[in-house]
Amino acid sequence: MMDTDKVRERKKNEISDYFRLGAVFTYFIRVFRNDPDSKASFNLRMMHGINKISILMFLFAVIFWTVKRLFF
């Protein structure tokens, strides 16, 4: 009986792991900050720059779509 409870609890934890977005949101915040301690290569800086542009374009599109749906 005890083993099945542990299995259920483990499966419950595994399913909830798919819905954790903490790491995603911390990346969104971290990508807009400059880390003075890290020496980033050119490729890494370009990747973060493209990610910044992508995040801003996505947010703009979501806001535009929401305003369009609500008011027009």
PDB file of N, CA and C in Angstrom:
ATOM      1  N   MET A   1       0.827  -1.196   0.000  1.00  0.00           N
ATOM      2  CA  MET A   1       0.000   0.000   0.000  1.00  0.00           C
ATOM      3  C   MET A   1       0.867   1.254   0.000  1.00  0.00           C
ATOM      4  N   MET A   2       1.908   1.230   0.782  1.00  0.00           N
ATOM      5  CA  MET A   2       2.786   2.379   0.889  1.00  0.00           C
ATOM      6  C   MET A   2       3.509   2.645  -0.433  1.00  0.00           C
ATOM      7  N   ASP A   3       3.862   1.588  -1.154  1.00  0.00           N
ATOM      8  CA  ASP A   3       4.569   1.756  -2.415  1.00  0.00           C
ATOM      9  C   ASP A   3       3.700   2.430  -3.462  1.00  0.00           C
ATOM     10  N   THR A   4       2.421   2.103  -3.514  1.00  0.00           N
ATOM     11  CA  THR A   4       1.545   2.727  -4.508  1.00  0.00           C
ATOM     12  C   THR A   4       1.354   4.211  -4.215  1.00  0.00           C
ATOM     13  N   ASP A   5       1.327   4.578  -2.947  1.00  0.00           N
ATOM     14  CA  ASP A   5       1.230   6.004  -2.595  1.00  0.00           C
ATOM     15  C   ASP A   5       2.468   6.761  -3.057  1.00  0.00           C
ATOM     16  N   LYS A   6       3.616   6.135  -2.894  1.00  0.00           N
ATOM     17  CA  LYS A   6       4.856   6.774  -3.332  1.00  0.00           C
ATOM     18  C   LYS A   6       4.882   6.922  -4.848  1.00  0.00           C
ATOM     19  N   VAL A   7       4.394   5.915  -5.553  1.00  0.00           N
ATOM     20  CA  VAL A   7       4.362   5.973  -7.016  1.00  0.00           C
ATOM     21  C   VAL A   7       3.414   7.074  -7.468  1.00  0.00           C
ATOM     22  N   ARG A   8       2.240   7.160  -6.833  1.00  0.00           N
ATOM     23  CA  ARG A   8       1.286   8.214  -7.182  1.00  0.00           C
ATOM     24  C   ARG A   8       1.872   9.598  -6.908  1.00  0.00           C
ATOM     25  N   GLU A   9       2.511   9.741  -5.770  1.00  0.00           N
ATOM     26  CA  GLU A   9       3.120  11.025  -5.424  1.00  0.00           C
ATOM     27  C   GLU A   9       4.221  11.383  -6.415  1.00  0.00           C
ATOM     28  N   ARG A  10       4.998  10.394  -6.810  1.00  0.00           N
ATOM     29  CA  ARG A  10       6.074  10.631  -7.765  1.00  0.00           C
ATOM     30  C   ARG A  10       5.511  11.038  -9.123  1.00  0.00           C
ATOM     31  N   LYS A  11       4.461  10.362  -9.586  1.00  0.00           N
ATOM     32  CA  LYS A  11       3.843  10.723 -10.850  1.00  0.00           C
ATOM     33  C   LYS A  11       3.224  12.108 -10.770  1.00  0.00           C
ATOM     34  N   LYS A  12       2.634  12.415  -9.638  1.00  0.00           N
ATOM     35  CA  LYS A  12       2.044  13.738  -9.456  1.00  0.00           C
ATOM     36  C   LYS A  12       3.129  14.802  -9.553  1.00  0.00           C
ATOM     37  N   ASN A  13       4.267  14.555  -8.946  1.00  0.00           N
ATOM     38  CA  ASN A  13       5.369  15.511  -9.021  1.00  0.00           C
ATOM     39  C   ASN A  13       5.901  15.636 -10.438  1.00  0.00           C
ATOM     40  N   GLU A  14       5.969  14.539 -11.152  1.00  0.00           N
ATOM     41  CA  GLU A  14       6.478  14.593 -12.515  1.00  0.00           C
ATOM     42  C   GLU A  14       5.540  15.375 -13.421  1.00  0.00           C
ATOM     43  N   ILE A  15       4.243  15.215 -13.240  1.00  0.00           N
ATOM     44  CA  ILE A  15       3.279  15.949 -14.058  1.00  0.00           C
ATOM     45  C   ILE A  15       3.337  17.434 -13.724  1.00  0.00           C
ATOM     46  N   SER A  16       3.458  17.765 -12.471  1.00  0.00           N
ATOM     47  CA  SER A  16       3.511  19.177 -12.099  1.00  0.00           C
ATOM     48  C   SER A  16       4.807  19.828 -12.585  1.00  0.00           C
ATOM     49  N   ASP A  17       5.830  19.037 -12.792  1.00  0.00           N
ATOM     50  CA  ASP A  17       7.082  19.587 -13.306  1.00  0.00           C
ATOM     51  C   ASP A  17       6.917  20.168 -14.710  1.00  0.00           C
ATOM     52  N   TYR A  18       5.982  19.623 -15.484  1.00  0.00           N
ATOM     53  CA  TYR A  18       5.771  20.125 -16.841  1.00  0.00           C
ATOM     54  C   TYR A  18       5.162  21.518 -16.843  1.00  0.00           C
ATOM     55  N   PHE A  19       4.478  21.875 -15.774  1.00  0.00           N
ATOM     56  CA  PHE A  19       3.784  23.149 -15.725  1.00  0.00           C
ATOM     57  C   PHE A  19       4.539  24.213 -14.936  1.00  0.00           C
ATOM     58  N   ARG A  20       5.740  23.939 -14.534  1.00  0.00           N
ATOM     59  CA  ARG A  20       6.548  24.931 -13.831  1.00  0.00           C
ATOM     60  C   ARG A  20       7.168  25.879 -14.842  1.00  0.00           C
ATOM     61  N   LEU A  21       6.909  27.140 -14.659  1.00  0.00           N
ATOM     62  CA  LEU A  21       7.413  28.138 -15.597  1.00  0.00           C
ATOM     63  C   LEU A  21       8.404  29.079 -14.947  1.00  0.00           C
ATOM     64  N   GLY A  22       8.832  28.779 -13.744  1.00  0.00           N
ATOM     65  CA  GLY A  22       9.754  29.646 -13.025  1.00  0.00           C
ATOM     66  C   GLY A  22      11.048  29.865 -13.774  1.00  0.00           C
ATOM     67  N   ALA A  23      11.596  28.814 -14.332  1.00  0.00           N
ATOM     68  CA  ALA A  23      12.861  28.940 -15.063  1.00  0.00           C
ATOM     69  C   ALA A  23      12.692  29.793 -16.314  1.00  0.00           C
ATOM     70  N   VAL A  24      11.537  29.698 -16.945  1.00  0.00           N
ATOM     71  CA  VAL A  24      11.282  30.481 -18.152  1.00  0.00           C
ATOM     72  C   VAL A  24      11.218  31.962 -17.813  1.00  0.00           C
ATOM     73  N   PHE A  25      10.478  32.306 -16.767  1.00  0.00           N
ATOM     74  CA  PHE A  25      10.350  33.714 -16.396  1.00  0.00           C
ATOM     75  C   PHE A  25      11.663  34.289 -15.886  1.00  0.00           C
ATOM     76  N   THR A  26      12.448  33.487 -15.181  1.00  0.00           N
ATOM     77  CA  THR A  26      13.740  34.002 -14.733  1.00  0.00           C
ATOM     78  C   THR A  26      14.657  34.257 -15.923  1.00  0.00           C
ATOM     79  N   TYR A  27      14.538  33.454 -16.980  1.00  0.00           N
ATOM     80  CA  TYR A  27      15.332  33.715 -18.182  1.00  0.00           C
ATOM     81  C   TYR A  27      14.907  35.025 -18.828  1.00  0.00           C
ATOM     82  N   PHE A  28      13.587  35.280 -18.900  1.00  0.00           N
ATOM     83  CA  PHE A  28      13.108  36.526 -19.492  1.00  0.00           C
ATOM     84  C   PHE A  28      13.668  37.728 -18.758  1.00  0.00           C
ATOM     85  N   ILE A  29      13.751  37.645 -17.448  1.00  0.00           N
ATOM     86  CA  ILE A  29      14.298  38.747 -16.659  1.00  0.00           C
ATOM     87  C   ILE A  29      15.814  38.820 -16.826  1.00  0.00           C
ATOM     88  N   ARG A  30      16.454  37.672 -16.807  1.00  0.00           N
ATOM     89  CA  ARG A  30      17.913  37.623 -16.865  1.00  0.00           C
ATOM     90  C   ARG A  30      18.465  38.047 -18.222  1.00  0.00           C
ATOM     91  N   VAL A  31      17.723  37.796 -19.293  1.00  0.00           N
ATOM     92  CA  VAL A  31      18.232  38.109 -20.623  1.00  0.00           C
ATOM     93  C   VAL A  31      18.333  39.621 -20.832  1.00  0.00           C
ATOM     94  N   PHE A  32      17.576  40.400 -20.079  1.00  0.00           N
ATOM     95  CA  PHE A  32      17.625  41.850 -20.222  1.00  0.00           C
ATOM     96  C   PHE A  32      18.629  42.509 -19.283  1.00  0.00           C
ATOM     97  N   ARG A  33      19.301  41.725 -18.478  1.00  0.00           N
ATOM     98  CA  ARG A  33      20.325  42.273 -17.588  1.00  0.00           C
ATOM     99  C   ARG A  33      21.711  41.913 -18.113  1.00  0.00           C
ATOM    100  N   ASN A  34      22.652  42.796 -17.907  1.00  0.00           N
ATOM    101  CA  ASN A  34      24.039  42.506 -18.266  1.00  0.00           C
ATOM    102  C   ASN A  34      24.757  41.961 -17.046  1.00  0.00           C
ATOM    103  N   ASP A  35      25.440  40.853 -17.227  1.00  0.00           N
ATOM    104  CA  ASP A  35      26.196  40.245 -16.137  1.00  0.00           C
ATOM    105  C   ASP A  35      27.647  40.684 -16.261  1.00  0.00           C
ATOM    106  N   PRO A  36      28.122  41.543 -15.369  1.00  0.00           N
ATOM    107  CA  PRO A  36      29.495  42.045 -15.501  1.00  0.00           C
ATOM    108  C   PRO A  36      30.560  40.984 -15.210  1.00  0.00           C
ATOM    109  N   ASP A  37      30.190  39.925 -14.511  1.00  0.00           N
ATOM    110  CA  ASP A  37      31.168  38.897 -14.162  1.00  0.00           C
ATOM    111  C   ASP A  37      31.451  37.932 -15.299  1.00  0.00           C
ATOM    112  N   SER A  38      30.508  37.772 -16.204  1.00  0.00           N
ATOM    113  CA  SER A  38      30.718  36.790 -17.268  1.00  0.00           C
ATOM    114  C   SER A  38      31.341  37.452 -18.486  1.00  0.00           C
ATOM    115  N   LYS A  39      32.257  36.738 -19.077  1.00  0.00           N
ATOM    116  CA  LYS A  39      32.866  37.203 -20.315  1.00  0.00           C
ATOM    117  C   LYS A  39      32.220  36.405 -21.445  1.00  0.00           C
ATOM    118  N   ALA A  40      31.239  37.014 -22.085  1.00  0.00           N
ATOM    119  CA  ALA A  40      30.474  36.319 -23.111  1.00  0.00           C
ATOM    120  C   ALA A  40      31.163  36.441 -24.463  1.00  0.00           C
ATOM    121  N   SER A  41      31.059  35.388 -25.235  1.00  0.00           N
ATOM    122  CA  SER A  41      31.615  35.413 -26.580  1.00  0.00           C
ATOM    123  C   SER A  41      30.678  36.199 -27.498  1.00  0.00           C
ATOM    124  N   PHE A  42      31.146  36.485 -28.677  1.00  0.00           N
ATOM    125  CA  PHE A  42      30.347  37.222 -29.653  1.00  0.00           C
ATOM    126  C   PHE A  42      29.071  36.463 -29.987  1.00  0.00           C
ATOM    127  N   ASN A  43      29.188  35.154 -30.170  1.00  0.00           N
ATOM    128  CA  ASN A  43      28.020  34.344 -30.520  1.00  0.00           C
ATOM    129  C   ASN A  43      26.968  34.375 -29.419  1.00  0.00           C
ATOM    130  N   LEU A  44      27.397  34.296 -28.169  1.00  0.00           N
ATOM    131  CA  LEU A  44      26.464  34.319 -27.059  1.00  0.00           C
ATOM    132  C   LEU A  44      25.772  35.670 -26.951  1.00  0.00           C
ATOM    133  N   ARG A  45      26.510  36.746 -27.159  1.00  0.00           N
ATOM    134  CA  ARG A  45      25.899  38.083 -27.120  1.00  0.00           C
ATOM    135  C   ARG A  45      24.883  38.257 -28.236  1.00  0.00           C
ATOM    136  N   MET A  46      25.179  37.741 -29.427  1.00  0.00           N
ATOM    137  CA  MET A  46      24.240  37.835 -30.538  1.00  0.00           C
ATOM    138  C   MET A  46      22.996  37.001 -30.270  1.00  0.00           C
ATOM    139  N   MET A  47      23.171  35.821 -29.674  1.00  0.00           N
ATOM    140  CA  MET A  47      22.029  34.977 -29.345  1.00  0.00           C
ATOM    141  C   MET A  47      21.112  35.683 -28.359  1.00  0.00           C
ATOM    142  N   HIS A  48      21.689  36.300 -27.328  1.00  0.00           N
ATOM    143  CA  HIS A  48      20.878  37.015 -26.352  1.00  0.00           C
ATOM    144  C   HIS A  48      20.209  38.235 -26.989  1.00  0.00           C
ATOM    145  N   GLY A  49      20.897  38.891 -27.908  1.00  0.00           N
ATOM    146  CA  GLY A  49      20.289  40.027 -28.606  1.00  0.00           C
ATOM    147  C   GLY A  49      19.093  39.613 -29.443  1.00  0.00           C
ATOM    148  N   ILE A  50      19.220  38.510 -30.159  1.00  0.00           N
ATOM    149  CA  ILE A  50      18.108  38.005 -30.957  1.00  0.00           C
ATOM    150  C   ILE A  50      16.956  37.568 -30.052  1.00  0.00           C
ATOM    151  N   ASN A  51      17.278  36.973 -28.914  1.00  0.00           N
ATOM    152  CA  ASN A  51      16.233  36.586 -27.973  1.00  0.00           C
ATOM    153  C   ASN A  51      15.501  37.802 -27.429  1.00  0.00           C
ATOM    154  N   LYS A  52      16.211  38.881 -27.154  1.00  0.00           N
ATOM    155  CA  LYS A  52      15.565  40.113 -26.681  1.00  0.00           C
ATOM    156  C   LYS A  52      14.583  40.633 -27.722  1.00  0.00           C
ATOM    157  N   ILE A  53      15.026  40.652 -28.966  1.00  0.00           N
ATOM    158  CA  ILE A  53      14.158  41.127 -30.049  1.00  0.00           C
ATOM    159  C   ILE A  53      12.930  40.231 -30.165  1.00  0.00           C
ATOM    160  N   SER A  54      13.124  38.932 -30.081  1.00  0.00           N
ATOM    161  CA  SER A  54      12.010  37.991 -30.202  1.00  0.00           C
ATOM    162  C   SER A  54      11.008  38.164 -29.064  1.00  0.00           C
ATOM    163  N   ILE A  55      11.499  38.321 -27.856  1.00  0.00           N
ATOM    164  CA  ILE A  55      10.613  38.494 -26.702  1.00  0.00           C
ATOM    165  C   ILE A  55       9.814  39.784 -26.839  1.00  0.00           C
ATOM    166  N   LEU A  56      10.468  40.863 -27.223  1.00  0.00           N
ATOM    167  CA  LEU A  56       9.770  42.137 -27.369  1.00  0.00           C
ATOM    168  C   LEU A  56       8.739  42.095 -28.496  1.00  0.00           C
ATOM    169  N   MET A  57       9.071  41.453 -29.606  1.00  0.00           N
ATOM    170  CA  MET A  57       8.115  41.333 -30.705  1.00  0.00           C
ATOM    171  C   MET A  57       6.922  40.485 -30.294  1.00  0.00           C
ATOM    172  N   PHE A  58       7.160  39.419 -29.574  1.00  0.00           N
ATOM    173  CA  PHE A  58       6.066  38.563 -29.111  1.00  0.00           C
ATOM    174  C   PHE A  58       5.148  39.328 -28.168  1.00  0.00           C
ATOM    175  N   LEU A  59       5.725  40.054 -27.207  1.00  0.00           N
ATOM    176  CA  LEU A  59       4.905  40.825 -26.270  1.00  0.00           C
ATOM    177  C   LEU A  59       4.099  41.893 -27.000  1.00  0.00           C
ATOM    178  N   PHE A  60       4.719  42.570 -27.962  1.00  0.00           N
ATOM    179  CA  PHE A  60       4.007  43.566 -28.751  1.00  0.00           C
ATOM    180  C   PHE A  60       2.841  42.927 -29.505  1.00  0.00           C
ATOM    181  N   ALA A  61       3.061  41.762 -30.105  1.00  0.00           N
ATOM    182  CA  ALA A  61       2.006  41.083 -30.866  1.00  0.00           C
ATOM    183  C   ALA A  61       0.863  40.650 -29.948  1.00  0.00           C
ATOM    184  N   VAL A  62       1.178  40.158 -28.765  1.00  0.00           N
ATOM    185  CA  VAL A  62       0.126  39.742 -27.825  1.00  0.00           C
ATOM    186  C   VAL A  62      -0.678  40.953 -27.370  1.00  0.00           C
ATOM    187  N   ILE A  63      -0.013  42.051 -27.072  1.00  0.00           N
ATOM    188  CA  ILE A  63      -0.719  43.264 -26.658  1.00  0.00           C
ATOM    189  C   ILE A  63      -1.575  43.795 -27.805  1.00  0.00           C
ATOM    190  N   PHE A  64      -1.032  43.838 -29.004  1.00  0.00           N
ATOM    191  CA  PHE A  64      -1.780  44.309 -30.166  1.00  0.00           C
ATOM    192  C   PHE A  64      -2.998  43.436 -30.419  1.00  0.00           C
ATOM    193  N   TRP A  65      -2.818  42.126 -30.374  1.00  0.00           N
ATOM    194  CA  TRP A  65      -3.917  41.194 -30.607  1.00  0.00           C
ATOM    195  C   TRP A  65      -4.993  41.352 -29.548  1.00  0.00           C
ATOM    196  N   THR A  66      -4.601  41.538 -28.280  1.00  0.00           N
ATOM    197  CA  THR A  66      -5.559  41.691 -27.197  1.00  0.00           C
ATOM    198  C   THR A  66      -6.343  42.987 -27.356  1.00  0.00           C
ATOM    199  N   VAL A  67      -5.670  44.079 -27.662  1.00  0.00           N
ATOM    200  CA  VAL A  67      -6.345  45.359 -27.845  1.00  0.00           C
ATOM    201  C   VAL A  67      -7.301  45.272 -29.030  1.00  0.00           C
ATOM    202  N   LYS A  68      -6.864  44.654 -30.088  1.00  0.00           N
ATOM    203  CA  LYS A  68      -7.707  44.519 -31.279  1.00  0.00           C
ATOM    204  C   LYS A  68      -8.964  43.692 -30.973  1.00  0.00           C
ATOM    205  N   ARG A  69      -8.815  42.623 -30.221  1.00  0.00           N
ATOM    206  CA  ARG A  69      -9.945  41.771 -29.879  1.00  0.00           C
ATOM    207  C   ARG A  69     -10.910  42.449 -28.909  1.00  0.00           C
ATOM    208  N   LEU A  70     -10.386  43.228 -27.988  1.00  0.00           N
ATOM    209  CA  LEU A  70     -11.232  43.841 -26.978  1.00  0.00           C
ATOM    210  C   LEU A  70     -11.959  45.087 -27.477  1.00  0.00           C
ATOM    211  N   PHE A  71     -11.308  45.885 -28.307  1.00  0.00           N
ATOM    212  CA  PHE A  71     -11.881  47.182 -28.664  1.00  0.00           C
ATOM    213  C   PHE A  71     -12.382  47.283 -30.097  1.00  0.00           C
ATOM    214  N   PHE A  72     -12.045  46.357 -30.953  1.00  0.00           N
ATOM    215  CA  PHE A  72     -12.488  46.483 -32.347  1.00  0.00           C
ATOM    216  C   PHE A  72     -13.273  45.289 -32.792  1.00  0.00           C
TER     217      PHE A  72
END
